[in-house]
Amino acid sequence: MSDNKKIFEKITEYLNKLNLKYQYEAKNNRIRIPFILKVGEKKYTAYIYISWNEKWILCVTPLVRVADIPPEVSREEVYERLLLETYYLYEVTYGLTKDGYIVVHAETAVSALSFENFDIELRSIIFGVKYFIEKILPDFEELRSKALPIYV
């Protein structure tokens, strides 16, 4: 059995143990996990995407496309805020992809993969999305309508 297949089986074993619904996207060789967050009276749907190679497992949720940041919102201020939050929030990491998305992400080495580690990584993503909606977006009101987590 290939390493890729072993990693996939371990990830899906953990997702099943957590009773999470997920879809495998064969075209992109990744797993997509939908989740709903309640923030105040509103509900938001977001997705965690899990991809992997022989050494690393990456969990990521897109938050905003950089191209969608309105001109009246300072990108520098948004980036500075995300860098500060990345430093002060434990296990929550905000980042910028080369495809132009602001994301919250977590990585784990395949060699360090355990159920507990995996569970913590997923929870850190969910917390990071909720924190982004509750604490960061209110400071950038014009950005709120551009955020990717979808209001239900």
N, C-alpha and C. Protein backbone atom coordinates (compact mmCIF):
# COMPACT_ATOMS: atom_id res chain seq x y z
N MET A 1 0.84 -1.18 0.00
CA MET A 1 0.00 0.00 0.00
C MET A 1 0.89 1.25 0.00
N SER A 2 0.54 2.23 -0.81
CA SER A 2 1.36 3.45 -0.91
C SER A 2 1.23 4.30 0.35
N ASP A 3 2.23 5.14 0.57
CA ASP A 3 2.19 6.06 1.71
C ASP A 3 0.97 6.98 1.61
N ASN A 4 0.66 7.43 0.39
CA ASN A 4 -0.48 8.31 0.18
C ASN A 4 -1.77 7.64 0.65
N LYS A 5 -1.94 6.39 0.30
CA LYS A 5 -3.13 5.63 0.69
C LYS A 5 -3.18 5.41 2.20
N LYS A 6 -2.03 5.12 2.81
CA LYS A 6 -1.97 4.93 4.27
C LYS A 6 -2.35 6.20 5.01
N ILE A 7 -1.85 7.33 4.52
CA ILE A 7 -2.16 8.62 5.16
C ILE A 7 -3.66 8.91 5.02
N PHE A 8 -4.19 8.70 3.82
CA PHE A 8 -5.62 8.90 3.58
C PHE A 8 -6.45 8.04 4.53
N GLU A 9 -6.09 6.79 4.67
CA GLU A 9 -6.84 5.88 5.54
C GLU A 9 -6.76 6.31 7.00
N LYS A 10 -5.61 6.79 7.44
CA LYS A 10 -5.47 7.24 8.82
C LYS A 10 -6.32 8.49 9.06
N ILE A 11 -6.28 9.44 8.12
CA ILE A 11 -7.09 10.66 8.25
C ILE A 11 -8.57 10.31 8.31
N THR A 12 -9.04 9.46 7.40
CA THR A 12 -10.47 9.12 7.39
C THR A 12 -10.85 8.31 8.63
N GLU A 13 -9.94 7.51 9.13
CA GLU A 13 -10.20 6.80 10.39
C GLU A 13 -10.46 7.80 11.51
N TYR A 14 -9.62 8.83 11.60
CA TYR A 14 -9.79 9.85 12.64
C TYR A 14 -11.07 10.66 12.43
N LEU A 15 -11.37 11.00 11.19
CA LEU A 15 -12.61 11.75 10.91
C LEU A 15 -13.83 10.93 11.30
N ASN A 16 -13.81 9.64 11.02
CA ASN A 16 -14.91 8.76 11.41
C ASN A 16 -15.01 8.66 12.92
N LYS A 17 -13.88 8.59 13.59
CA LYS A 17 -13.87 8.53 15.05
C LYS A 17 -14.46 9.80 15.66
N LEU A 18 -14.27 10.93 14.97
CA LEU A 18 -14.83 12.21 15.42
C LEU A 18 -16.27 12.41 14.94
N ASN A 19 -16.80 11.42 14.21
CA ASN A 19 -18.16 11.49 13.66
C ASN A 19 -18.37 12.71 12.77
N LEU A 20 -17.37 13.04 11.97
CA LEU A 20 -17.46 14.18 11.07
C LEU A 20 -17.84 13.72 9.67
N LYS A 21 -18.73 14.46 9.04
CA LYS A 21 -19.07 14.20 7.65
C LYS A 21 -18.00 14.83 6.78
N TYR A 22 -17.64 14.16 5.72
CA TYR A 22 -16.60 14.68 4.83
C TYR A 22 -16.80 14.12 3.43
N GLN A 23 -16.18 14.79 2.48
CA GLN A 23 -16.18 14.33 1.10
C GLN A 23 -14.73 14.25 0.63
N TYR A 24 -14.43 13.20 -0.11
CA TYR A 24 -13.12 13.10 -0.73
C TYR A 24 -13.22 13.68 -2.13
N GLU A 25 -12.37 14.64 -2.44
CA GLU A 25 -12.32 15.25 -3.77
C GLU A 25 -11.15 14.63 -4.53
N ALA A 26 -11.45 13.60 -5.29
CA ALA A 26 -10.39 12.84 -5.99
C ALA A 26 -9.60 13.73 -6.95
N LYS A 27 -10.29 14.64 -7.62
CA LYS A 27 -9.63 15.52 -8.59
C LYS A 27 -8.49 16.31 -7.94
N ASN A 28 -8.72 16.77 -6.72
CA ASN A 28 -7.72 17.57 -5.99
C ASN A 28 -6.96 16.77 -4.94
N ASN A 29 -7.29 15.48 -4.81
CA ASN A 29 -6.70 14.62 -3.79
C ASN A 29 -6.72 15.30 -2.42
N ARG A 30 -7.93 15.69 -2.01
CA ARG A 30 -8.09 16.32 -0.71
C ARG A 30 -9.45 15.94 -0.14
N ILE A 31 -9.58 16.21 1.13
CA ILE A 31 -10.83 15.94 1.84
C ILE A 31 -11.44 17.28 2.22
N ARG A 32 -12.75 17.38 2.09
CA ARG A 32 -13.47 18.60 2.45
C ARG A 32 -14.45 18.28 3.57
N ILE A 33 -14.36 19.06 4.65
CA ILE A 33 -15.24 18.88 5.81
C ILE A 33 -16.08 20.13 5.98
N PRO A 34 -17.40 20.04 5.78
CA PRO A 34 -18.25 21.19 6.05
C PRO A 34 -18.51 21.30 7.55
N PHE A 35 -18.58 22.52 8.04
CA PHE A 35 -18.98 22.70 9.43
C PHE A 35 -19.78 23.98 9.57
N ILE A 36 -20.66 23.99 10.55
CA ILE A 36 -21.51 25.15 10.81
C ILE A 36 -21.11 25.74 12.15
N LEU A 37 -20.93 27.06 12.14
CA LEU A 37 -20.60 27.80 13.36
C LEU A 37 -21.76 28.70 13.71
N LYS A 38 -22.10 28.77 14.97
CA LYS A 38 -23.09 29.73 15.43
C LYS A 38 -22.33 30.85 16.11
N VAL A 39 -22.53 32.06 15.59
CA VAL A 39 -21.91 33.25 16.16
C VAL A 39 -23.04 34.22 16.42
N GLY A 40 -23.33 34.45 17.70
CA GLY A 40 -24.50 35.25 18.04
C GLY A 40 -25.74 34.52 17.56
N GLU A 41 -26.58 35.22 16.83
CA GLU A 41 -27.80 34.62 16.29
C GLU A 41 -27.61 34.07 14.88
N LYS A 42 -26.45 34.29 14.30
CA LYS A 42 -26.20 33.87 12.92
C LYS A 42 -25.48 32.53 12.87
N LYS A 43 -25.73 31.81 11.78
CA LYS A 43 -25.01 30.57 11.52
C LYS A 43 -24.20 30.75 10.25
N TYR A 44 -22.99 30.20 10.26
CA TYR A 44 -22.10 30.28 9.11
C TYR A 44 -21.67 28.88 8.72
N THR A 45 -21.58 28.63 7.43
CA THR A 45 -21.02 27.38 6.93
C THR A 45 -19.63 27.66 6.39
N ALA A 46 -18.68 26.86 6.77
CA ALA A 46 -17.31 26.98 6.26
C ALA A 46 -16.81 25.57 5.98
N TYR A 47 -15.63 25.49 5.38
CA TYR A 47 -15.07 24.19 5.02
C TYR A 47 -13.62 24.10 5.45
N ILE A 48 -13.26 22.95 5.99
CA ILE A 48 -11.86 22.63 6.23
C ILE A 48 -11.43 21.71 5.09
N TYR A 49 -10.34 22.07 4.45
CA TYR A 49 -9.77 21.24 3.39
C TYR A 49 -8.51 20.58 3.95
N ILE A 50 -8.41 19.29 3.76
CA ILE A 50 -7.24 18.55 4.23
C ILE A 50 -6.52 17.97 3.02
N SER A 51 -5.26 18.33 2.89
CA SER A 51 -4.41 17.76 1.85
C SER A 51 -3.15 17.22 2.51
N TRP A 52 -2.39 16.42 1.78
CA TRP A 52 -1.22 15.78 2.39
C TRP A 52 -0.22 15.37 1.33
N ASN A 53 0.99 15.19 1.80
CA ASN A 53 2.03 14.55 1.00
C ASN A 53 2.72 13.55 1.92
N GLU A 54 3.85 13.02 1.51
CA GLU A 54 4.49 11.97 2.31
C GLU A 54 5.03 12.47 3.65
N LYS A 55 5.17 13.79 3.82
CA LYS A 55 5.75 14.32 5.06
C LYS A 55 4.80 15.17 5.89
N TRP A 56 3.83 15.83 5.26
CA TRP A 56 2.99 16.80 5.96
C TRP A 56 1.51 16.62 5.65
N ILE A 57 0.69 16.96 6.64
CA ILE A 57 -0.76 17.04 6.48
C ILE A 57 -1.14 18.49 6.73
N LEU A 58 -1.88 19.08 5.79
CA LEU A 58 -2.27 20.47 5.88
C LEU A 58 -3.79 20.56 5.99
N CYS A 59 -4.25 21.29 7.01
CA CYS A 59 -5.67 21.59 7.18
C CYS A 59 -5.83 23.09 6.99
N VAL A 60 -6.78 23.50 6.15
CA VAL A 60 -6.91 24.92 5.84
C VAL A 60 -8.37 25.29 5.58
N THR A 61 -8.75 26.49 6.03
CA THR A 61 -10.05 27.06 5.72
C THR A 61 -9.84 28.44 5.12
N PRO A 62 -10.30 28.65 3.88
CA PRO A 62 -10.21 29.99 3.28
C PRO A 62 -11.17 30.94 4.00
N LEU A 63 -10.71 32.17 4.21
CA LEU A 63 -11.52 33.18 4.90
C LEU A 63 -11.94 34.31 3.98
N VAL A 64 -11.00 34.85 3.21
CA VAL A 64 -11.26 35.99 2.32
C VAL A 64 -10.31 35.92 1.14
N ARG A 65 -10.81 36.24 -0.05
CA ARG A 65 -9.92 36.42 -1.20
C ARG A 65 -9.33 37.82 -1.11
N VAL A 66 -8.02 37.93 -1.23
CA VAL A 66 -7.36 39.23 -1.16
C VAL A 66 -7.93 40.18 -2.21
N ALA A 67 -8.22 39.66 -3.40
CA ALA A 67 -8.78 40.50 -4.47
C ALA A 67 -10.13 41.10 -4.10
N ASP A 68 -10.81 40.50 -3.12
CA ASP A 68 -12.13 41.00 -2.70
C ASP A 68 -12.06 42.02 -1.57
N ILE A 69 -10.86 42.30 -1.07
CA ILE A 69 -10.74 43.31 -0.02
C ILE A 69 -11.05 44.67 -0.65
N PRO A 70 -12.08 45.36 -0.14
CA PRO A 70 -12.45 46.65 -0.73
C PRO A 70 -11.32 47.67 -0.60
N PRO A 71 -11.25 48.62 -1.53
CA PRO A 71 -10.18 49.63 -1.49
C PRO A 71 -10.17 50.46 -0.22
N GLU A 72 -11.33 50.62 0.42
CA GLU A 72 -11.39 51.42 1.64
C GLU A 72 -10.84 50.68 2.87
N VAL A 73 -10.53 49.40 2.71
CA VAL A 73 -9.94 48.61 3.80
C VAL A 73 -8.44 48.51 3.54
N SER A 74 -7.66 48.89 4.54
CA SER A 74 -6.20 48.84 4.42
C SER A 74 -5.72 47.39 4.52
N ARG A 75 -5.15 46.88 3.44
CA ARG A 75 -4.59 45.52 3.48
C ARG A 75 -3.50 45.43 4.54
N GLU A 76 -2.70 46.48 4.64
CA GLU A 76 -1.63 46.49 5.63
C GLU A 76 -2.20 46.30 7.04
N GLU A 77 -3.30 46.98 7.35
CA GLU A 77 -3.91 46.84 8.68
C GLU A 77 -4.49 45.44 8.88
N VAL A 78 -5.08 44.88 7.83
CA VAL A 78 -5.62 43.51 7.93
C VAL A 78 -4.48 42.53 8.18
N TYR A 79 -3.40 42.64 7.38
CA TYR A 79 -2.27 41.73 7.53
C TYR A 79 -1.61 41.88 8.90
N GLU A 80 -1.47 43.12 9.36
CA GLU A 80 -0.87 43.36 10.68
C GLU A 80 -1.71 42.71 11.77
N ARG A 81 -3.02 42.86 11.67
CA ARG A 81 -3.91 42.28 12.67
C ARG A 81 -3.80 40.75 12.68
N LEU A 82 -3.75 40.17 11.49
CA LEU A 82 -3.65 38.71 11.41
C LEU A 82 -2.31 38.21 11.94
N LEU A 83 -1.24 38.94 11.68
CA LEU A 83 0.07 38.56 12.23
C LEU A 83 0.06 38.64 13.75
N LEU A 84 -0.53 39.70 14.30
CA LEU A 84 -0.62 39.83 15.76
C LEU A 84 -1.43 38.68 16.36
N GLU A 85 -2.57 38.39 15.76
CA GLU A 85 -3.41 37.31 16.29
C GLU A 85 -2.71 35.96 16.18
N THR A 86 -1.98 35.75 15.10
CA THR A 86 -1.22 34.50 14.94
C THR A 86 -0.22 34.35 16.08
N TYR A 87 0.40 35.44 16.49
CA TYR A 87 1.38 35.38 17.57
C TYR A 87 0.71 35.12 18.92
N TYR A 88 -0.41 35.79 19.18
CA TYR A 88 -1.02 35.73 20.51
C TYR A 88 -2.03 34.61 20.71
N LEU A 89 -2.57 34.06 19.64
CA LEU A 89 -3.52 32.96 19.78
C LEU A 89 -2.75 31.64 19.70
N TYR A 90 -2.94 30.79 20.66
CA TYR A 90 -2.26 29.50 20.64
C TYR A 90 -2.93 28.56 19.65
N GLU A 91 -2.10 27.89 18.85
CA GLU A 91 -2.56 26.88 17.89
C GLU A 91 -3.41 27.44 16.76
N VAL A 92 -3.51 28.76 16.62
CA VAL A 92 -4.25 29.36 15.51
C VAL A 92 -3.26 30.12 14.64
N THR A 93 -3.24 29.78 13.37
CA THR A 93 -2.30 30.42 12.44
C THR A 93 -3.07 30.94 11.23
N TYR A 94 -2.98 32.25 11.03
CA TYR A 94 -3.55 32.86 9.83
C TYR A 94 -2.44 32.99 8.80
N GLY A 95 -2.79 32.89 7.54
CA GLY A 95 -1.78 32.95 6.49
C GLY A 95 -2.35 33.48 5.19
N LEU A 96 -1.48 33.58 4.22
CA LEU A 96 -1.82 34.07 2.89
C LEU A 96 -1.29 33.06 1.88
N THR A 97 -2.16 32.58 0.99
CA THR A 97 -1.72 31.60 -0.01
C THR A 97 -1.21 32.31 -1.26
N LYS A 98 -0.44 31.58 -2.05
CA LYS A 98 0.05 32.15 -3.30
C LYS A 98 -1.08 32.36 -4.30
N ASP A 99 -2.24 31.74 -4.04
CA ASP A 99 -3.42 31.94 -4.89
C ASP A 99 -4.24 33.14 -4.45
N GLY A 100 -3.79 33.84 -3.40
CA GLY A 100 -4.45 35.07 -2.99
C GLY A 100 -5.60 34.91 -2.02
N TYR A 101 -5.52 33.94 -1.13
CA TYR A 101 -6.54 33.76 -0.11
C TYR A 101 -5.94 33.97 1.28
N ILE A 102 -6.68 34.68 2.12
CA ILE A 102 -6.36 34.71 3.54
C ILE A 102 -7.02 33.47 4.13
N VAL A 103 -6.24 32.71 4.89
CA VAL A 103 -6.71 31.43 5.41
C VAL A 103 -6.36 31.30 6.89
N VAL A 104 -6.99 30.34 7.53
CA VAL A 104 -6.54 29.85 8.82
C VAL A 104 -6.09 28.42 8.55
N HIS A 105 -4.91 28.05 9.07
CA HIS A 105 -4.36 26.74 8.71
C HIS A 105 -3.63 26.10 9.88
N ALA A 106 -3.45 24.80 9.76
CA ALA A 106 -2.69 24.02 10.74
C ALA A 106 -2.01 22.88 9.99
N GLU A 107 -0.82 22.57 10.40
CA GLU A 107 -0.07 21.48 9.78
C GLU A 107 0.39 20.51 10.86
N THR A 108 0.56 19.28 10.44
CA THR A 108 1.18 18.30 11.32
C THR A 108 2.06 17.39 10.46
N ALA A 109 3.19 17.03 11.01
CA ALA A 109 4.07 16.10 10.31
C ALA A 109 3.42 14.71 10.32
N VAL A 110 3.52 14.01 9.21
CA VAL A 110 2.98 12.66 9.14
C VAL A 110 3.58 11.79 10.24
N SER A 111 4.86 11.99 10.52
CA SER A 111 5.54 11.20 11.56
C SER A 111 4.99 11.49 12.96
N ALA A 112 4.31 12.63 13.14
CA ALA A 112 3.76 12.99 14.45
C ALA A 112 2.25 12.81 14.51
N LEU A 113 1.67 12.23 13.47
CA LEU A 113 0.22 12.11 13.40
C LEU A 113 -0.31 11.16 14.47
N SER A 114 -1.23 11.68 15.26
CA SER A 114 -1.95 10.88 16.25
C SER A 114 -3.37 11.42 16.29
N PHE A 115 -4.27 10.67 16.88
CA PHE A 115 -5.65 11.13 16.97
C PHE A 115 -5.73 12.44 17.74
N GLU A 116 -5.03 12.54 18.85
CA GLU A 116 -5.07 13.74 19.68
C GLU A 116 -4.53 14.95 18.92
N ASN A 117 -3.42 14.78 18.23
CA ASN A 117 -2.84 15.86 17.43
C ASN A 117 -3.82 16.32 16.35
N PHE A 118 -4.38 15.36 15.65
CA PHE A 118 -5.30 15.66 14.56
C PHE A 118 -6.53 16.41 15.08
N ASP A 119 -7.09 15.95 16.17
CA ASP A 119 -8.25 16.59 16.79
C ASP A 119 -7.93 18.05 17.17
N ILE A 120 -6.77 18.28 17.75
CA ILE A 120 -6.36 19.63 18.13
C ILE A 120 -6.23 20.52 16.90
N GLU A 121 -5.64 19.99 15.83
CA GLU A 121 -5.48 20.79 14.61
C GLU A 121 -6.84 21.20 14.05
N LEU A 122 -7.79 20.27 13.99
CA LEU A 122 -9.12 20.61 13.47
C LEU A 122 -9.81 21.63 14.36
N ARG A 123 -9.71 21.45 15.67
CA ARG A 123 -10.34 22.40 16.60
C ARG A 123 -9.71 23.78 16.50
N SER A 124 -8.41 23.83 16.24
CA SER A 124 -7.75 25.14 16.10
C SER A 124 -8.25 25.87 14.86
N ILE A 125 -8.53 25.14 13.80
CA ILE A 125 -9.08 25.74 12.59
C ILE A 125 -10.47 26.31 12.88
N ILE A 126 -11.31 25.51 13.50
CA ILE A 126 -12.67 25.96 13.81
C ILE A 126 -12.64 27.18 14.73
N PHE A 127 -11.79 27.14 15.75
CA PHE A 127 -11.66 28.30 16.64
C PHE A 127 -11.18 29.51 15.86
N GLY A 128 -10.21 29.32 14.96
CA GLY A 128 -9.67 30.42 14.17
C GLY A 128 -10.71 31.07 13.28
N VAL A 129 -11.60 30.26 12.69
CA VAL A 129 -12.69 30.81 11.87
C VAL A 129 -13.65 31.60 12.74
N LYS A 130 -14.04 31.02 13.86
CA LYS A 130 -14.97 31.71 14.76
C LYS A 130 -14.37 33.01 15.28
N TYR A 131 -13.10 32.99 15.65
CA TYR A 131 -12.42 34.19 16.14
C TYR A 131 -12.37 35.25 15.04
N PHE A 132 -12.10 34.83 13.83
CA PHE A 132 -12.06 35.76 12.69
C PHE A 132 -13.41 36.46 12.54
N ILE A 133 -14.50 35.69 12.61
CA ILE A 133 -15.84 36.25 12.44
C ILE A 133 -16.21 37.15 13.63
N GLU A 134 -15.94 36.69 14.85
CA GLU A 134 -16.37 37.42 16.05
C GLU A 134 -15.49 38.61 16.40
N LYS A 135 -14.19 38.47 16.24
CA LYS A 135 -13.26 39.47 16.78
C LYS A 135 -12.54 40.31 15.74
N ILE A 136 -12.26 39.74 14.58
CA ILE A 136 -11.48 40.47 13.58
C ILE A 136 -12.38 41.22 12.61
N LEU A 137 -13.37 40.55 12.04
CA LEU A 137 -14.25 41.21 11.07
C LEU A 137 -14.93 42.46 11.60
N PRO A 138 -15.38 42.49 12.86
CA PRO A 138 -16.02 43.73 13.34
C PRO A 138 -15.11 44.96 13.26
N ASP A 139 -13.81 44.76 13.26
CA ASP A 139 -12.88 45.88 13.14
C ASP A 139 -12.65 46.30 11.69
N PHE A 140 -13.18 45.52 10.76
CA PHE A 140 -13.05 45.81 9.33
C PHE A 140 -14.42 45.61 8.69
N GLU A 141 -15.37 46.45 9.08
CA GLU A 141 -16.77 46.27 8.70
C GLU A 141 -16.98 46.11 7.19
N GLU A 142 -16.22 46.87 6.39
CA GLU A 142 -16.39 46.80 4.94
C GLU A 142 -15.96 45.44 4.38
N LEU A 143 -15.21 44.70 5.15
CA LEU A 143 -14.72 43.39 4.72
C LEU A 143 -15.72 42.28 5.02
N ARG A 144 -16.65 42.55 5.92
CA ARG A 144 -17.58 41.52 6.40
C ARG A 144 -18.32 40.81 5.26
N SER A 145 -18.81 41.55 4.29
CA SER A 145 -19.60 40.93 3.21
C SER A 145 -18.73 40.12 2.25
N LYS A 146 -17.41 40.27 2.33
CA LYS A 146 -16.50 39.57 1.43
C LYS A 146 -15.95 38.28 2.04
N ALA A 147 -16.21 38.07 3.32
CA ALA A 147 -15.68 36.88 3.99
C ALA A 147 -16.32 35.63 3.40
N LEU A 148 -15.55 34.56 3.30
CA LEU A 148 -16.01 33.34 2.65
C LEU A 148 -16.92 32.45 3.49
N PRO A 149 -16.76 32.39 4.83
CA PRO A 149 -17.74 31.58 5.56
C PRO A 149 -19.14 32.11 5.23
N ILE A 150 -20.02 31.23 4.83
CA ILE A 150 -21.31 31.63 4.27
C ILE A 150 -22.37 31.67 5.35
N TYR A 151 -23.11 32.76 5.39
CA TYR A 151 -24.21 32.89 6.33
C TYR A 151 -25.32 31.92 5.95
N VAL A 152 -25.84 31.20 6.93
CA VAL A 152 -26.92 30.23 6.68
C VAL A 152 -28.24 30.87 7.05
